[in-house]
PDB file of N, CA and C in Angstrom:
ATOM      1  N   MET A   1    -186.481  30.989  99.478  1.00  0.00           N
ATOM      2  CA  MET A   1    -186.369  32.441  99.624  1.00  0.00           C
ATOM      3  C   MET A   1    -187.690  33.062 100.095  1.00  0.00           C
ATOM      4  N   GLN A   2    -188.788  32.617  99.507  1.00  0.00           N
ATOM      5  CA  GLN A   2    -190.073  33.193  99.864  1.00  0.00           C
ATOM      6  C   GLN A   2    -190.452  32.853 101.309  1.00  0.00           C
ATOM      7  N   LEU A   3    -190.128  31.636 101.745  1.00  0.00           N
ATOM      8  CA  LEU A   3    -190.425  31.242 103.129  1.00  0.00           C
ATOM      9  C   LEU A   3    -189.634  32.100 104.110  1.00  0.00           C
ATOM     10  N   THR A   4    -188.387  32.389 103.774  1.00  0.00           N
ATOM     11  CA  THR A   4    -187.554  33.239 104.628  1.00  0.00           C
ATOM     12  C   THR A   4    -188.151  34.634 104.738  1.00  0.00           C
ATOM     13  N   MET A   5    -188.614  35.180 103.647  1.00  0.00           N
ATOM     14  CA  MET A   5    -189.212  36.520 103.666  1.00  0.00           C
ATOM     15  C   MET A   5    -190.501  36.528 104.475  1.00  0.00           C
ATOM     16  N   GLN A   6    -191.280  35.468 104.385  1.00  0.00           N
ATOM     17  CA  GLN A   6    -192.501  35.388 105.177  1.00  0.00           C
ATOM     18  C   GLN A   6    -192.170  35.316 106.665  1.00  0.00           C
ATOM     19  N   LEU A   7    -191.158  34.548 107.015  1.00  0.00           N
ATOM     20  CA  LEU A   7    -190.741  34.432 108.400  1.00  0.00           C
ATOM     21  C   LEU A   7    -190.257  35.771 108.935  1.00  0.00           C
ATOM     22  N   ILE A   8    -189.482  36.493 108.150  1.00  0.00           N
ATOM     23  CA  ILE A   8    -189.017  37.822 108.548  1.00  0.00           C
ATOM     24  C   ILE A   8    -190.198  38.761 108.725  1.00  0.00           C
ATOM     25  N   GLY A   9    -191.183  38.674 107.841  1.00  0.00           N
ATOM     26  CA  GLY A   9    -192.378  39.507 107.952  1.00  0.00           C
ATOM     27  C   GLY A   9    -193.161  39.231 109.224  1.00  0.00           C
ATOM     28  N   VAL A  10    -193.316  37.956 109.559  1.00  0.00           N
ATOM     29  CA  VAL A  10    -194.045  37.574 110.779  1.00  0.00           C
ATOM     30  C   VAL A  10    -193.290  38.059 112.007  1.00  0.00           C
ATOM     31  N   LEU A  11    -191.983  37.851 112.027  1.00  0.00           N
ATOM     32  CA  LEU A  11    -191.176  38.307 113.163  1.00  0.00           C
ATOM     33  C   LEU A  11    -191.215  39.828 113.300  1.00  0.00           C
ATOM     34  N   ALA A  12    -191.154  40.538 112.179  1.00  0.00           N
ATOM     35  CA  ALA A  12    -191.225  42.001 112.220  1.00  0.00           C
ATOM     36  C   ALA A  12    -192.569  42.458 112.775  1.00  0.00           C
ATOM     37  N   PHE A  13    -193.652  41.774 112.397  1.00  0.00           N
ATOM     38  CA  PHE A  13    -194.976  42.114 112.907  1.00  0.00           C
ATOM     39  C   PHE A  13    -195.048  41.902 114.413  1.00  0.00           C
ATOM     40  N   ILE A  14    -194.512  40.788 114.892  1.00  0.00           N
ATOM     41  CA  ILE A  14    -194.537  40.490 116.328  1.00  0.00           C
ATOM     42  C   ILE A  14    -193.738  41.528 117.108  1.00  0.00           C
ATOM     43  N   VAL A  15    -192.566  41.880 116.605  1.00  0.00           N
ATOM     44  CA  VAL A  15    -191.740  42.890 117.272  1.00  0.00           C
ATOM     45  C   VAL A  15    -192.458  44.237 117.287  1.00  0.00           C
ATOM     46  N   ALA A  16    -193.064  44.621 116.155  1.00  0.00           N
ATOM     47  CA  ALA A  16    -193.787  45.892 116.094  1.00  0.00           C
ATOM     48  C   ALA A  16    -194.969  45.900 117.057  1.00  0.00           C
ATOM     49  N   LEU A  17    -195.663  44.783 117.169  1.00  0.00           N
ATOM     50  CA  LEU A  17    -196.801  44.690 118.087  1.00  0.00           C
ATOM     51  C   LEU A  17    -196.331  44.825 119.535  1.00  0.00           C
ATOM     52  N   LEU A  18    -195.258  44.138 119.880  1.00  0.00           N
ATOM     53  CA  LEU A  18    -194.726  44.228 121.242  1.00  0.00           C
ATOM     54  C   LEU A  18    -194.267  45.648 121.565  1.00  0.00           C
ATOM     55  N   LEU A  19    -193.612  46.303 120.624  1.00  0.00           N
ATOM     56  CA  LEU A  19    -193.179  47.681 120.851  1.00  0.00           C
ATOM     57  C   LEU A  19    -194.367  48.615 121.023  1.00  0.00           C
ATOM     58  N   SER A  20    -195.410  48.397 120.232  1.00  0.00           N
ATOM     59  CA  SER A  20    -196.613  49.218 120.343  1.00  0.00           C
ATOM     60  C   SER A  20    -197.263  49.054 121.714  1.00  0.00           C
ATOM     61  N   VAL A  21    -197.357  47.831 122.197  1.00  0.00           N
ATOM     62  CA  VAL A  21    -197.944  47.571 123.515  1.00  0.00           C
ATOM     63  C   VAL A  21    -197.066  48.192 124.598  1.00  0.00           C
ATOM     64  N   MET A  22    -195.736  48.081 124.431  1.00  0.00           N
ATOM     65  CA  MET A  22    -194.829  48.635 125.431  1.00  0.00           C
ATOM     66  C   MET A  22    -194.965  50.160 125.514  1.00  0.00           C
ATOM     67  N   VAL A  23    -195.060  50.830 124.385  1.00  0.00           N
ATOM     68  CA  VAL A  23    -195.229  52.283 124.386  1.00  0.00           C
ATOM     69  C   VAL A  23    -196.566  52.653 125.033  1.00  0.00           C
ATOM     70  N   HIS A  24    -197.618  51.896 124.739  1.00  0.00           N
ATOM     71  CA  HIS A  24    -198.935  52.146 125.322  1.00  0.00           C
ATOM     72  C   HIS A  24    -198.885  52.017 126.846  1.00  0.00           C
ATOM     73  N   GLU A  25    -198.310  50.938 127.332  1.00  0.00           N
ATOM     74  CA  GLU A  25    -198.228  50.714 128.774  1.00  0.00           C
ATOM     75  C   GLU A  25    -197.312  51.738 129.440  1.00  0.00           C
ATOM     76  N   PHE A  26    -196.264  52.157 128.754  1.00  0.00           N
ATOM     77  CA  PHE A  26    -195.383  53.183 129.298  1.00  0.00           C
ATOM     78  C   PHE A  26    -196.144  54.501 129.463  1.00  0.00           C
ATOM     79  N   GLY A  27    -197.113  54.762 128.583  1.00  0.00           N
ATOM     80  CA  GLY A  27    -197.971  55.935 128.727  1.00  0.00           C
ATOM     81  C   GLY A  27    -198.761  55.902 130.023  1.00  0.00           C
ATOM     82  N   HIS A  28    -199.277  54.710 130.374  1.00  0.00           N
ATOM     83  CA  HIS A  28    -199.965  54.564 131.662  1.00  0.00           C
ATOM     84  C   HIS A  28    -198.999  54.833 132.817  1.00  0.00           C
ATOM     85  N   PHE A  29    -197.800  54.304 132.706  1.00  0.00           N
ATOM     86  CA  PHE A  29    -196.775  54.467 133.741  1.00  0.00           C
ATOM     87  C   PHE A  29    -196.438  55.939 133.956  1.00  0.00           C
ATOM     88  N   ILE A  30    -196.177  56.650 132.876  1.00  0.00           N
ATOM     89  CA  ILE A  30    -195.808  58.072 132.963  1.00  0.00           C
ATOM     90  C   ILE A  30    -196.959  58.895 133.527  1.00  0.00           C
ATOM     91  N   THR A  31    -198.184  58.620 133.070  1.00  0.00           N
ATOM     92  CA  THR A  31    -199.345  59.362 133.555  1.00  0.00           C
ATOM     93  C   THR A  31    -199.549  59.140 135.051  1.00  0.00           C
ATOM     94  N   ALA A  32    -199.415  57.906 135.500  1.00  0.00           N
ATOM     95  CA  ALA A  32    -199.574  57.616 136.926  1.00  0.00           C
ATOM     96  C   ALA A  32    -198.520  58.354 137.742  1.00  0.00           C
ATOM     97  N   ARG A  33    -197.277  58.336 137.281  1.00  0.00           N
ATOM     98  CA  ARG A  33    -196.210  59.028 138.007  1.00  0.00           C
ATOM     99  C   ARG A  33    -196.446  60.536 138.033  1.00  0.00           C
ATOM    100  N   LYS A  34    -196.935  61.078 136.913  1.00  0.00           N
ATOM    101  CA  LYS A  34    -197.182  62.518 136.817  1.00  0.00           C
ATOM    102  C   LYS A  34    -198.247  62.969 137.807  1.00  0.00           C
ATOM    103  N   PHE A  35    -199.236  62.138 138.058  1.00  0.00           N
ATOM    104  CA  PHE A  35    -200.316  62.494 138.975  1.00  0.00           C
ATOM    105  C   PHE A  35    -200.069  62.013 140.397  1.00  0.00           C
ATOM    106  N   GLY A  36    -198.834  61.618 140.699  1.00  0.00           N
ATOM    107  CA  GLY A  36    -198.449  61.315 142.062  1.00  0.00           C
ATOM    108  C   GLY A  36    -198.767  59.924 142.566  1.00  0.00           C
ATOM    109  N   MET A  37    -199.143  59.031 141.685  1.00  0.00           N
ATOM    110  CA  MET A  37    -199.424  57.668 142.131  1.00  0.00           C
ATOM    111  C   MET A  37    -198.112  56.907 142.294  1.00  0.00           C
ATOM    112  N   LYS A  38    -198.061  56.039 143.299  1.00  0.00           N
ATOM    113  CA  LYS A  38    -196.879  55.209 143.488  1.00  0.00           C
ATOM    114  C   LYS A  38    -196.929  54.061 142.481  1.00  0.00           C
ATOM    115  N   VAL A  39    -195.855  53.915 141.736  1.00  0.00           N
ATOM    116  CA  VAL A  39    -195.757  52.833 140.752  1.00  0.00           C
ATOM    117  C   VAL A  39    -194.614  51.931 141.190  1.00  0.00           C
ATOM    118  N   SER A  40    -194.947  50.714 141.580  1.00  0.00           N
ATOM    119  CA  SER A  40    -193.914  49.825 142.113  1.00  0.00           C
ATOM    120  C   SER A  40    -193.201  49.032 141.028  1.00  0.00           C
ATOM    121  N   GLU A  41    -193.854  48.797 139.883  1.00  0.00           N
ATOM    122  CA  GLU A  41    -193.186  48.069 138.806  1.00  0.00           C
ATOM    123  C   GLU A  41    -193.833  48.365 137.470  1.00  0.00           C
ATOM    124  N   PHE A  42    -193.052  48.160 136.434  1.00  0.00           N
ATOM    125  CA  PHE A  42    -193.498  48.325 135.049  1.00  0.00           C
ATOM    126  C   PHE A  42    -193.108  47.057 134.320  1.00  0.00           C
ATOM    127  N   PHE A  43    -194.090  46.379 133.733  1.00  0.00           N
ATOM    128  CA  PHE A  43    -193.761  45.149 133.020  1.00  0.00           C
ATOM    129  C   PHE A  43    -194.747  44.922 131.890  1.00  0.00           C
ATOM    130  N   LEU A  44    -194.366  44.015 131.006  1.00  0.00           N
ATOM    131  CA  LEU A  44    -195.222  43.603 129.904  1.00  0.00           C
ATOM    132  C   LEU A  44    -195.605  42.146 130.086  1.00  0.00           C
ATOM    133  N   GLY A  45    -196.828  41.812 129.768  1.00  0.00           N
ATOM    134  CA  GLY A  45    -197.247  40.425 129.794  1.00  0.00           C
ATOM    135  C   GLY A  45    -197.530  39.905 131.181  1.00  0.00           C
ATOM    136  N   PHE A  46    -197.683  38.590 131.257  1.00  0.00           N
ATOM    137  CA  PHE A  46    -198.028  37.940 132.505  1.00  0.00           C
ATOM    138  C   PHE A  46    -197.006  36.885 132.905  1.00  0.00           C
ATOM    139  N   GLY A  47    -195.845  36.912 132.297  1.00  0.00           N
ATOM    140  CA  GLY A  47    -194.824  35.912 132.575  1.00  0.00           C
ATOM    141  C   GLY A  47    -194.065  36.198 133.864  1.00  0.00           C
ATOM    142  N   THR A  48    -192.956  35.521 134.028  1.00  0.00           N
ATOM    143  CA  THR A  48    -192.132  35.723 135.213  1.00  0.00           C
ATOM    144  C   THR A  48    -191.436  37.075 135.134  1.00  0.00           C
ATOM    145  N   ARG A  49    -191.131  37.644 136.272  1.00  0.00           N
ATOM    146  CA  ARG A  49    -190.475  38.941 136.329  1.00  0.00           C
ATOM    147  C   ARG A  49    -189.029  38.793 135.859  1.00  0.00           C
ATOM    148  N   ILE A  50    -188.640  39.615 134.891  1.00  0.00           N
ATOM    149  CA  ILE A  50    -187.264  39.611 134.394  1.00  0.00           C
ATOM    150  C   ILE A  50    -186.486  40.737 135.054  1.00  0.00           C
ATOM    151  N   TRP A  51    -187.127  41.914 135.188  1.00  0.00           N
ATOM    152  CA  TRP A  51    -186.463  43.072 135.763  1.00  0.00           C
ATOM    153  C   TRP A  51    -187.504  44.014 136.333  1.00  0.00           C
ATOM    154  N   SER A  52    -187.233  44.596 137.481  1.00  0.00           N
ATOM    155  CA  SER A  52    -188.130  45.599 138.055  1.00  0.00           C
ATOM    156  C   SER A  52    -187.336  46.533 138.944  1.00  0.00           C
ATOM    157  N   THR A  53    -187.898  47.711 139.193  1.00  0.00           N
ATOM    158  CA  THR A  53    -187.265  48.658 140.099  1.00  0.00           C
ATOM    159  C   THR A  53    -188.284  49.091 141.134  1.00  0.00           C
TER     160      THR A  53
END
């Protein structure tokens, strides 16, 4: 039981960290668009592209 709770805690931390980074980067995206800069893609990390517009 305790191992399961620790695993859930670690996963929750990772998800919260990813969401925090995503909100931060989205702030850069919105600011760039607001000031007229062309933004060709928005992504997180350095992996392969999953989705872009």
